[in-house]
Amino acid sequence: MTQRYRGRPHRAWIVAAVAFVALVGAAGFRATPGVMINPLHEEFGWPLSTISLAVSINLLLYGLTSPFAAALMDRFGIRQVVAWALLLVAAGSGLTVFMAQSWQLILFWGVFVGLGTGSMALAFVATVTNRWFVKHRGIVTGVLTAGGAAGQLVFLPVLALIVEQGTWRFASLTVALAALAVVPLVLWLLRDHPSEVGLTAYGASGPVVAPPASEGGAARRAVRALFSAARTKTFWYLAGGFAICGMTTNGLVGTHFIPAAHDHGMPTTAAAGLLALVGIFDIAGTVFSGWLTDRIDSRVLLAVYYGLRGVSLAILPSLFDATAHPSMLVFIIFYGLDWVATVPPTVALCREHFGADGAVVFGWVFASHQVGAAIAATAAGLVRDSLGEYTVAWYVAAGLSTVAAALSLLIVKSRKAAVVELNAPKQGTLSRAPGGDAG
């Protein structure tokens, strides 16, 4: 018989809270590239393109690790994978204080932290929500996705202040300690599936069902899911749009906004504060996007989000100045609301079209996001080294956002989702999409 926690929250909310904290911890070091670029350039004399390459490898591995991490979570459990991932982030962050060569930056900052944070990327969010929630799945996806923004909000201003008052090494150690501090919480409270504690997913009915055992190795399952999904146009539309999403967020703005603002005379701490404000509004925008995803066609939401992002990026080059004037603040609010609002509808579309493999397929879609981010991070650095400014990069990103909007509208509604929408009550129709009980 299913155990119920009378008078207490469903265990799913505790798991979601721990997952949120883990995502915040993982986001800490990913928030530092923009703060670190100028100090590393000044201390070691490395070109911006070389430092950007380390950032690109970090972003690339952050994405490519995601589908394999989702499969590993099916095989070994969420708790073990997340704990080891946090330890890897801490190791990468801490070891950077000893580096003296650019290849060490690429190894510690790029490879170690990329692999660690990639294991707690958005496929982790999809796995938790698929296993633990049926009701309110969209809004929980939004809240967990906002964990990355919360990490940026918590760490970025602090790291910028530490870098300005002390050294970048203290900032790296701060992130390492923060990642280590989350590990005991994960081991204590995170659980792999509701069946471990005699429950069903929140909002589900029926008996406790243990997740099916993963067949074969985790890598084999991840590759098999990719080959199956790659035979559909929907996968390529989602992957193409999400690659552009990565280019126009983490790759360009997340990495190069602070150096670009610094080029116009803005202090690093002021620019970091603006990027942290993006994180504030990102949280609100992503949670609201999750709420909308439970109610509105996800394809339409994506098209609107990408279109509005293109408009904001086209305006940005004219807003840079030595001070944060009101027009720039308007951009920060507008762009922040849109930053990762694309995630909840993309997760929903993967779940609708790919069912039990939805989390792993989303891992591959997210990998395309980070491939795009890596390309943009390096390309923008090359543009800055060659032209002495970033203007061309902003305009290209604006044009690509329009392409992403068009790709979103080309996605055809899945037949299963159409049946669910027809038969389910009007309130929260997408909350019972296929694949909801799959791991």
Protein backbone atom coordinates (compact mmCIF):
# COMPACT_ATOMS: atom_id res chain seq x y z
CA MET A 1 0.00 0.00 0.00
CA THR A 2 1.22 3.47 -0.83
CA GLN A 3 2.38 5.38 2.20
CA ARG A 4 1.01 8.89 2.59
CA TYR A 5 2.57 11.73 4.54
CA ARG A 6 -0.47 13.18 6.25
CA GLY A 7 -0.06 16.83 7.19
CA ARG A 8 3.36 17.00 5.53
CA PRO A 9 4.44 17.92 2.01
CA HIS A 10 4.70 15.12 -0.53
CA ARG A 11 8.27 13.83 -0.71
CA ALA A 12 8.44 15.05 -4.32
CA TRP A 13 8.70 18.64 -3.05
CA ILE A 14 11.65 17.75 -0.82
CA VAL A 15 13.42 16.07 -3.74
CA ALA A 16 12.71 19.11 -5.93
CA ALA A 17 14.11 21.43 -3.24
CA VAL A 18 17.35 19.42 -2.96
CA ALA A 19 17.65 19.31 -6.75
CA PHE A 20 17.24 23.09 -6.80
CA VAL A 21 20.05 23.56 -4.27
CA ALA A 22 22.31 21.20 -6.26
CA LEU A 23 21.63 23.17 -9.43
CA VAL A 24 22.45 26.42 -7.62
CA GLY A 25 25.73 24.94 -6.44
CA ALA A 26 26.63 23.70 -9.92
CA ALA A 27 25.78 27.09 -11.42
CA GLY A 28 28.36 28.88 -9.28
CA PHE A 29 31.42 28.15 -11.38
CA ARG A 30 29.51 28.49 -14.63
CA ALA A 31 28.76 32.06 -13.57
CA THR A 32 32.44 32.99 -13.42
CA PRO A 33 33.74 33.11 -17.03
CA GLY A 34 32.72 36.71 -17.63
CA VAL A 35 34.31 37.77 -14.33
CA MET A 36 37.51 35.80 -14.97
CA ILE A 37 38.30 36.73 -18.57
CA ASN A 38 39.95 40.11 -17.95
CA PRO A 39 41.91 39.06 -14.80
CA LEU A 40 43.30 35.98 -16.55
CA HIS A 41 44.20 38.04 -19.62
CA GLU A 42 45.98 40.62 -17.47
CA GLU A 43 47.89 38.11 -15.29
CA PHE A 44 48.96 35.56 -17.89
CA GLY A 45 48.77 37.57 -21.11
CA TRP A 46 46.66 34.88 -22.77
CA PRO A 47 44.60 36.13 -25.77
CA LEU A 48 40.86 36.47 -25.23
CA SER A 49 40.34 33.84 -27.92
CA THR A 50 42.43 31.33 -25.89
CA ILE A 51 40.46 31.99 -22.70
CA SER A 52 37.24 31.84 -24.71
CA LEU A 53 38.33 28.41 -26.00
CA ALA A 54 38.40 27.10 -22.42
CA VAL A 55 34.93 28.55 -21.91
CA SER A 56 33.78 26.90 -25.14
CA ILE A 57 35.04 23.47 -24.06
CA ASN A 58 33.29 23.95 -20.71
CA LEU A 59 30.02 24.81 -22.48
CA LEU A 60 30.44 21.99 -25.00
CA LEU A 61 31.05 19.31 -22.38
CA TYR A 62 28.29 20.77 -20.22
CA GLY A 63 25.91 19.88 -23.03
CA LEU A 64 27.43 16.67 -24.39
CA THR A 65 27.61 15.11 -20.92
CA SER A 66 23.91 15.69 -20.33
CA PRO A 67 22.35 12.76 -22.26
CA PHE A 68 24.89 10.29 -20.86
CA ALA A 69 24.29 11.62 -17.35
CA ALA A 70 20.54 11.09 -17.82
CA ALA A 71 21.22 7.48 -18.82
CA LEU A 72 23.62 7.05 -15.88
CA MET A 73 20.89 8.29 -13.54
CA ASP A 74 18.65 5.54 -14.88
CA ARG A 75 21.35 2.93 -14.24
CA PHE A 76 23.02 4.06 -11.01
CA GLY A 77 20.52 6.53 -9.55
CA ILE A 78 20.19 10.29 -9.36
CA ARG A 79 21.83 10.59 -5.95
CA GLN A 80 25.14 8.93 -6.87
CA VAL A 81 25.53 10.79 -10.16
CA VAL A 82 24.80 14.21 -8.64
CA ALA A 83 27.14 13.67 -5.67
CA TRP A 84 30.06 12.68 -7.91
CA ALA A 85 29.29 15.57 -10.25
CA LEU A 86 29.53 18.09 -7.41
CA LEU A 87 32.86 16.61 -6.34
CA LEU A 88 34.16 16.99 -9.89
CA VAL A 89 33.06 20.64 -9.98
CA ALA A 90 34.82 21.27 -6.68
CA ALA A 91 38.01 19.60 -7.93
CA GLY A 92 38.03 21.59 -11.16
CA SER A 93 37.37 24.85 -9.38
CA GLY A 94 39.99 24.28 -6.70
CA LEU A 95 42.75 23.09 -9.04
CA THR A 96 42.60 26.24 -11.17
CA VAL A 97 44.42 28.15 -8.42
CA PHE A 98 47.58 26.16 -9.24
CA MET A 99 47.56 26.63 -13.02
CA ALA A 100 50.32 28.41 -14.90
CA GLN A 101 49.70 27.32 -18.51
CA SER A 102 46.69 27.79 -20.76
CA TRP A 103 46.26 24.02 -21.24
CA GLN A 104 45.66 23.74 -17.51
CA LEU A 105 42.86 26.28 -17.78
CA ILE A 106 41.34 24.15 -20.53
CA LEU A 107 41.68 20.96 -18.43
CA PHE A 108 40.42 22.28 -15.08
CA TRP A 109 37.99 24.97 -16.12
CA GLY A 110 36.95 23.40 -19.41
CA VAL A 111 37.00 19.62 -18.92
CA PHE A 112 36.55 18.98 -15.18
CA VAL A 113 33.94 21.64 -14.53
CA GLY A 114 32.27 21.00 -17.90
CA LEU A 115 31.79 17.32 -17.10
CA GLY A 116 30.67 18.01 -13.53
CA THR A 117 28.12 20.69 -14.33
CA GLY A 118 26.97 18.74 -17.40
CA SER A 119 25.97 15.89 -15.12
CA MET A 120 23.60 18.30 -13.37
CA ALA A 121 22.36 20.01 -16.51
CA LEU A 122 18.78 20.31 -17.68
CA ALA A 123 18.50 16.57 -18.39
CA PHE A 124 18.77 16.23 -14.60
CA VAL A 125 15.77 18.56 -14.34
CA ALA A 126 13.85 16.47 -16.87
CA THR A 127 14.69 13.24 -15.01
CA VAL A 128 13.53 14.59 -11.63
CA THR A 129 10.28 16.03 -12.97
CA ASN A 130 9.48 12.93 -15.06
CA ARG A 131 9.94 10.62 -12.07
CA TRP A 132 8.48 12.64 -9.24
CA PHE A 133 5.72 14.80 -10.77
CA VAL A 134 2.63 14.38 -12.90
CA LYS A 135 0.69 17.37 -11.62
CA HIS A 136 2.42 20.78 -11.88
CA ARG A 137 5.23 19.25 -13.95
CA GLY A 138 5.64 22.34 -16.12
CA ILE A 139 5.96 24.84 -13.30
CA VAL A 140 8.36 22.55 -11.37
CA THR A 141 10.49 22.32 -14.51
CA GLY A 142 10.51 26.11 -14.60
CA VAL A 143 11.51 26.43 -10.96
CA LEU A 144 14.34 23.91 -11.24
CA THR A 145 15.59 25.49 -14.44
CA ALA A 146 15.67 28.78 -12.58
CA GLY A 147 18.14 27.14 -10.19
CA GLY A 148 20.90 27.98 -12.65
CA ALA A 149 19.80 31.58 -12.69
CA ALA A 150 19.68 31.59 -8.92
CA GLY A 151 23.25 30.34 -8.86
CA GLN A 152 24.26 33.21 -11.10
CA LEU A 153 22.35 35.63 -8.89
CA VAL A 154 23.99 34.34 -5.69
CA PHE A 155 27.54 33.92 -6.95
CA LEU A 156 28.16 36.48 -9.69
CA PRO A 157 28.16 39.73 -7.65
CA VAL A 158 30.11 38.02 -4.85
CA LEU A 159 32.70 36.63 -7.24
CA ALA A 160 33.07 39.96 -9.01
CA LEU A 161 33.67 41.69 -5.67
CA ILE A 162 36.19 39.02 -4.62
CA VAL A 163 38.05 39.37 -7.93
CA GLU A 164 38.14 43.15 -7.64
CA GLN A 165 39.16 43.26 -3.96
CA GLY A 166 41.38 40.19 -3.90
CA THR A 167 42.24 37.73 -6.67
CA TRP A 168 40.46 35.42 -9.04
CA ARG A 169 41.95 32.49 -7.06
CA PHE A 170 39.83 33.32 -4.02
CA ALA A 171 36.78 33.32 -6.29
CA SER A 172 37.64 29.83 -7.58
CA LEU A 173 38.06 28.50 -4.06
CA THR A 174 34.73 30.03 -3.03
CA VAL A 175 32.95 28.06 -5.74
CA ALA A 176 34.81 24.85 -4.85
CA LEU A 177 33.73 25.10 -1.21
CA ALA A 178 30.14 25.88 -2.20
CA ALA A 179 29.97 22.77 -4.40
CA LEU A 180 31.40 20.60 -1.60
CA ALA A 181 28.86 21.97 0.87
CA VAL A 182 25.97 20.63 -1.23
CA VAL A 183 27.22 17.02 -1.35
CA PRO A 184 26.03 15.97 2.16
CA LEU A 185 22.58 17.42 1.46
CA VAL A 186 22.30 15.40 -1.75
CA LEU A 187 23.35 12.15 -0.04
CA TRP A 188 20.93 12.73 2.84
CA LEU A 189 17.72 13.85 1.16
CA LEU A 190 17.79 13.14 -2.57
CA ARG A 191 16.00 9.95 -3.65
CA ASP A 192 15.99 8.26 -7.05
CA HIS A 193 12.30 7.35 -7.39
CA PRO A 194 9.03 7.61 -5.41
CA SER A 195 8.96 3.82 -5.07
CA GLU A 196 11.98 4.03 -2.73
CA VAL A 197 9.79 5.66 -0.09
CA GLY A 198 6.53 3.89 -0.90
CA LEU A 199 4.98 6.71 -2.90
CA THR A 200 3.76 7.44 -6.39
CA ALA A 201 4.71 10.58 -8.31
CA TYR A 202 2.96 13.74 -7.13
CA GLY A 203 -0.46 13.90 -8.79
CA ALA A 204 -0.35 10.29 -10.02
CA SER A 205 -2.86 7.57 -9.15
CA GLY A 206 -2.45 3.81 -8.92
CA PRO A 207 0.06 1.51 -7.25
CA VAL A 208 3.72 2.17 -6.65
CA VAL A 209 5.66 1.22 -9.79
CA ALA A 210 9.43 0.84 -9.67
CA PRO A 211 11.31 2.21 -12.68
CA PRO A 212 12.25 -0.42 -15.28
CA ALA A 213 15.85 -1.54 -15.20
CA SER A 214 18.02 0.15 -17.79
CA GLU A 215 19.02 -2.32 -20.51
CA GLY A 216 22.71 -2.35 -21.41
CA GLY A 217 25.16 0.39 -20.61
CA ALA A 218 24.24 3.99 -20.05
CA ALA A 219 26.22 5.11 -23.09
CA ARG A 220 24.46 2.54 -25.28
CA ARG A 221 21.05 3.69 -24.14
CA ALA A 222 21.93 7.36 -24.73
CA VAL A 223 23.18 6.64 -28.24
CA ARG A 224 20.19 4.43 -29.01
CA ALA A 225 17.80 7.21 -27.97
CA LEU A 226 19.70 9.65 -30.19
CA PHE A 227 19.53 7.41 -33.25
CA SER A 228 15.83 6.84 -32.74
CA ALA A 229 15.03 10.54 -32.24
CA ALA A 230 17.28 11.65 -35.10
CA ARG A 231 14.96 9.92 -37.56
CA THR A 232 12.31 12.56 -36.86
CA LYS A 233 12.10 16.15 -38.10
CA THR A 234 10.90 17.25 -34.67
CA PHE A 235 14.25 16.38 -33.10
CA TRP A 236 16.18 18.46 -35.63
CA TYR A 237 13.83 21.44 -35.28
CA LEU A 238 14.19 21.31 -31.49
CA ALA A 239 17.97 20.79 -31.65
CA GLY A 240 18.45 23.59 -34.18
CA GLY A 241 16.38 26.05 -32.19
CA PHE A 242 18.07 25.11 -28.94
CA ALA A 243 21.54 25.45 -30.52
CA ILE A 244 20.63 29.04 -31.36
CA CYS A 245 19.29 29.45 -27.84
CA GLY A 246 22.73 28.49 -26.51
CA MET A 247 24.48 30.86 -28.91
CA THR A 248 22.38 33.81 -27.81
CA THR A 249 22.54 33.16 -24.04
CA ASN A 250 25.44 31.30 -22.40
CA GLY A 251 27.76 31.54 -25.39
CA LEU A 252 27.42 35.21 -26.20
CA VAL A 253 25.76 37.18 -23.41
CA GLY A 254 26.82 34.98 -20.51
CA THR A 255 30.46 34.94 -21.61
CA HIS A 256 31.01 38.28 -23.32
CA PHE A 257 28.55 40.79 -21.83
CA ILE A 258 30.96 41.88 -19.08
CA PRO A 259 33.98 42.32 -21.41
CA ALA A 260 31.77 44.16 -23.92
CA ALA A 261 30.49 46.52 -21.22
CA HIS A 262 34.07 46.99 -20.01
CA ASP A 263 35.04 48.06 -23.55
CA HIS A 264 32.63 50.99 -23.14
CA GLY A 265 34.10 52.04 -19.79
CA MET A 266 31.73 50.26 -17.44
CA PRO A 267 33.41 48.84 -14.29
CA THR A 268 33.48 45.05 -14.03
CA THR A 269 31.45 45.05 -10.82
CA ALA A 270 28.72 47.18 -12.43
CA ALA A 271 28.55 44.91 -15.48
CA ALA A 272 28.48 41.83 -13.25
CA GLY A 273 25.65 43.40 -11.28
CA LEU A 274 23.66 43.85 -14.50
CA LEU A 275 24.26 40.22 -15.46
CA ALA A 276 23.10 39.19 -11.98
CA LEU A 277 19.92 41.18 -12.56
CA VAL A 278 19.37 39.05 -15.64
CA GLY A 279 19.39 36.14 -13.19
CA ILE A 280 16.71 37.75 -11.03
CA PHE A 281 14.30 38.24 -13.90
CA ASP A 282 15.32 34.92 -15.40
CA ILE A 283 13.91 33.18 -12.34
CA ALA A 284 10.58 34.95 -12.69
CA GLY A 285 10.48 34.41 -16.45
CA THR A 286 11.29 30.71 -16.28
CA VAL A 287 8.78 29.95 -13.53
CA PHE A 288 6.09 31.85 -15.44
CA SER A 289 7.09 29.98 -18.61
CA GLY A 290 6.60 26.71 -16.76
CA TRP A 291 3.11 27.84 -15.73
CA LEU A 292 2.33 28.80 -19.33
CA THR A 293 3.68 25.47 -20.60
CA ASP A 294 0.98 23.65 -18.62
CA ARG A 295 -1.63 25.70 -20.49
CA ILE A 296 -0.41 26.90 -23.92
CA ASP A 297 0.99 25.18 -27.02
CA SER A 298 4.73 24.86 -26.40
CA ARG A 299 5.56 25.48 -30.05
CA VAL A 300 3.92 28.88 -29.95
CA LEU A 301 5.68 29.77 -26.72
CA LEU A 302 9.08 28.96 -28.23
CA ALA A 303 8.42 31.03 -31.33
CA VAL A 304 7.42 34.03 -29.23
CA TYR A 305 10.42 33.69 -26.90
CA TYR A 306 12.96 33.45 -29.72
CA GLY A 307 11.37 36.30 -31.66
CA LEU A 308 11.44 38.66 -28.68
CA ARG A 309 15.05 37.70 -27.95
CA GLY A 310 16.06 38.65 -31.48
CA VAL A 311 14.53 42.10 -31.05
CA SER A 312 16.34 42.71 -27.76
CA LEU A 313 19.74 41.61 -29.10
CA ALA A 314 19.39 43.85 -32.16
CA ILE A 315 18.94 46.83 -29.84
CA LEU A 316 21.71 45.95 -27.36
CA PRO A 317 24.76 47.41 -29.21
CA SER A 318 23.28 50.91 -29.00
CA LEU A 319 22.77 50.60 -25.21
CA PHE A 320 26.34 50.07 -24.00
CA ASP A 321 27.77 52.98 -22.03
CA ALA A 322 30.04 53.69 -19.08
CA THR A 323 27.01 53.74 -16.76
CA ALA A 324 23.87 51.62 -16.42
CA HIS A 325 21.34 54.08 -17.82
CA PRO A 326 17.57 53.35 -17.78
CA SER A 327 17.48 51.96 -21.34
CA MET A 328 20.05 49.31 -20.45
CA LEU A 329 18.05 48.39 -17.35
CA VAL A 330 14.97 47.92 -19.53
CA PHE A 331 16.98 45.56 -21.75
CA ILE A 332 18.21 43.62 -18.71
CA ILE A 333 14.64 43.13 -17.45
CA PHE A 334 13.27 42.18 -20.87
CA TYR A 335 16.14 39.88 -21.79
CA GLY A 336 16.25 38.33 -18.32
CA LEU A 337 12.59 37.28 -18.51
CA ASP A 338 13.39 35.49 -21.78
CA TRP A 339 16.81 33.99 -20.87
CA VAL A 340 15.87 30.33 -20.26
CA ALA A 341 12.11 30.60 -20.60
CA THR A 342 12.64 28.28 -23.58
CA VAL A 343 13.43 25.29 -21.34
CA PRO A 344 9.98 24.26 -19.97
CA PRO A 345 8.29 24.15 -23.41
CA THR A 346 11.28 22.32 -24.91
CA VAL A 347 11.20 19.69 -22.13
CA ALA A 348 7.45 19.32 -22.67
CA LEU A 349 7.86 18.80 -26.41
CA CYS A 350 10.54 16.14 -25.85
CA ARG A 351 8.25 14.35 -23.40
CA GLU A 352 5.27 14.54 -25.79
CA HIS A 353 7.13 13.31 -28.86
CA PHE A 354 9.61 10.81 -27.36
CA GLY A 355 7.77 9.39 -24.33
CA ALA A 356 9.92 7.26 -22.00
CA ASP A 357 13.11 8.44 -23.73
CA GLY A 358 12.07 12.08 -23.31
CA ALA A 359 14.67 12.95 -20.65
CA VAL A 360 17.54 11.36 -22.58
CA VAL A 361 16.42 12.94 -25.86
CA PHE A 362 16.20 16.28 -24.14
CA GLY A 363 19.77 15.66 -23.01
CA TRP A 364 20.79 15.50 -26.67
CA VAL A 365 18.72 18.58 -27.52
CA PHE A 366 20.45 20.35 -24.65
CA ALA A 367 23.79 19.13 -26.03
CA SER A 368 23.00 21.06 -29.20
CA HIS A 369 22.32 24.09 -26.98
CA GLN A 370 25.82 23.88 -25.58
CA VAL A 371 27.43 23.19 -28.96
CA GLY A 372 25.85 26.44 -30.09
CA ALA A 373 27.04 28.17 -26.92
CA ALA A 374 30.59 26.90 -27.45
CA ILE A 375 30.65 28.11 -31.05
CA ALA A 376 29.36 31.54 -30.05
CA ALA A 377 31.79 31.90 -27.13
CA THR A 378 34.80 31.26 -29.36
CA ALA A 379 33.44 33.16 -32.37
CA ALA A 380 32.65 36.27 -30.33
CA GLY A 381 36.16 36.19 -28.86
CA LEU A 382 37.60 36.03 -32.38
CA VAL A 383 35.35 38.90 -33.49
CA ARG A 384 36.57 41.00 -30.58
CA ASP A 385 40.25 40.18 -31.28
CA SER A 386 39.86 40.93 -35.00
CA LEU A 387 37.56 43.98 -35.04
CA GLY A 388 38.16 45.43 -31.58
CA GLU A 389 34.44 45.34 -30.73
CA TYR A 390 31.50 42.94 -30.42
CA THR A 391 28.86 44.74 -32.54
CA VAL A 392 28.80 42.20 -35.39
CA ALA A 393 28.31 39.36 -32.90
CA TRP A 394 25.18 40.96 -31.41
CA TYR A 395 23.57 41.51 -34.84
CA VAL A 396 24.30 37.96 -36.02
CA ALA A 397 22.74 36.60 -32.82
CA ALA A 398 19.61 38.68 -33.43
CA GLY A 399 19.21 37.23 -36.91
CA LEU A 400 19.71 33.67 -35.69
CA SER A 401 16.99 34.16 -33.06
CA THR A 402 14.52 34.79 -35.88
CA VAL A 403 15.58 31.50 -37.48
CA ALA A 404 14.94 29.69 -34.17
CA ALA A 405 11.43 31.16 -34.02
CA ALA A 406 10.70 29.81 -37.49
CA LEU A 407 12.03 26.33 -36.61
CA SER A 408 9.73 26.20 -33.58
CA LEU A 409 6.66 26.81 -35.73
CA LEU A 410 7.65 23.96 -38.07
CA ILE A 411 7.21 21.38 -35.27
CA VAL A 412 4.04 19.33 -35.75
CA LYS A 413 1.88 18.61 -32.69
CA SER A 414 2.32 14.99 -31.63
CA ARG A 415 -0.73 12.78 -32.10
CA LYS A 416 -0.55 11.56 -28.48
CA ALA A 417 -0.48 15.13 -27.18
CA ALA A 418 -3.44 16.01 -29.37
CA VAL A 419 -5.42 13.09 -27.92
CA VAL A 420 -4.49 14.10 -24.36
CA GLU A 421 -5.49 17.69 -25.07
CA LEU A 422 -8.81 16.56 -26.49
CA ASN A 423 -9.74 14.18 -23.67
CA ALA A 424 -8.21 15.80 -20.57
CA PRO A 425 -9.87 18.58 -18.55
CA LYS A 426 -9.01 22.08 -19.69
CA GLN A 427 -6.96 22.78 -16.58
CA GLY A 428 -3.40 21.43 -16.84
CA THR A 429 -3.94 19.28 -19.95
CA LEU A 430 -0.24 18.85 -20.60
CA SER A 431 0.40 17.58 -17.10
CA ARG A 432 -0.68 14.11 -18.21
CA ALA A 433 1.47 13.91 -21.32
CA PRO A 434 2.87 10.51 -22.28
CA GLY A 435 6.07 9.38 -20.65
CA GLY A 436 5.24 10.99 -17.34
CA ASP A 437 6.05 7.93 -15.23
CA ALA A 438 9.17 7.00 -17.14
CA GLY A 439 12.61 7.51 -15.77
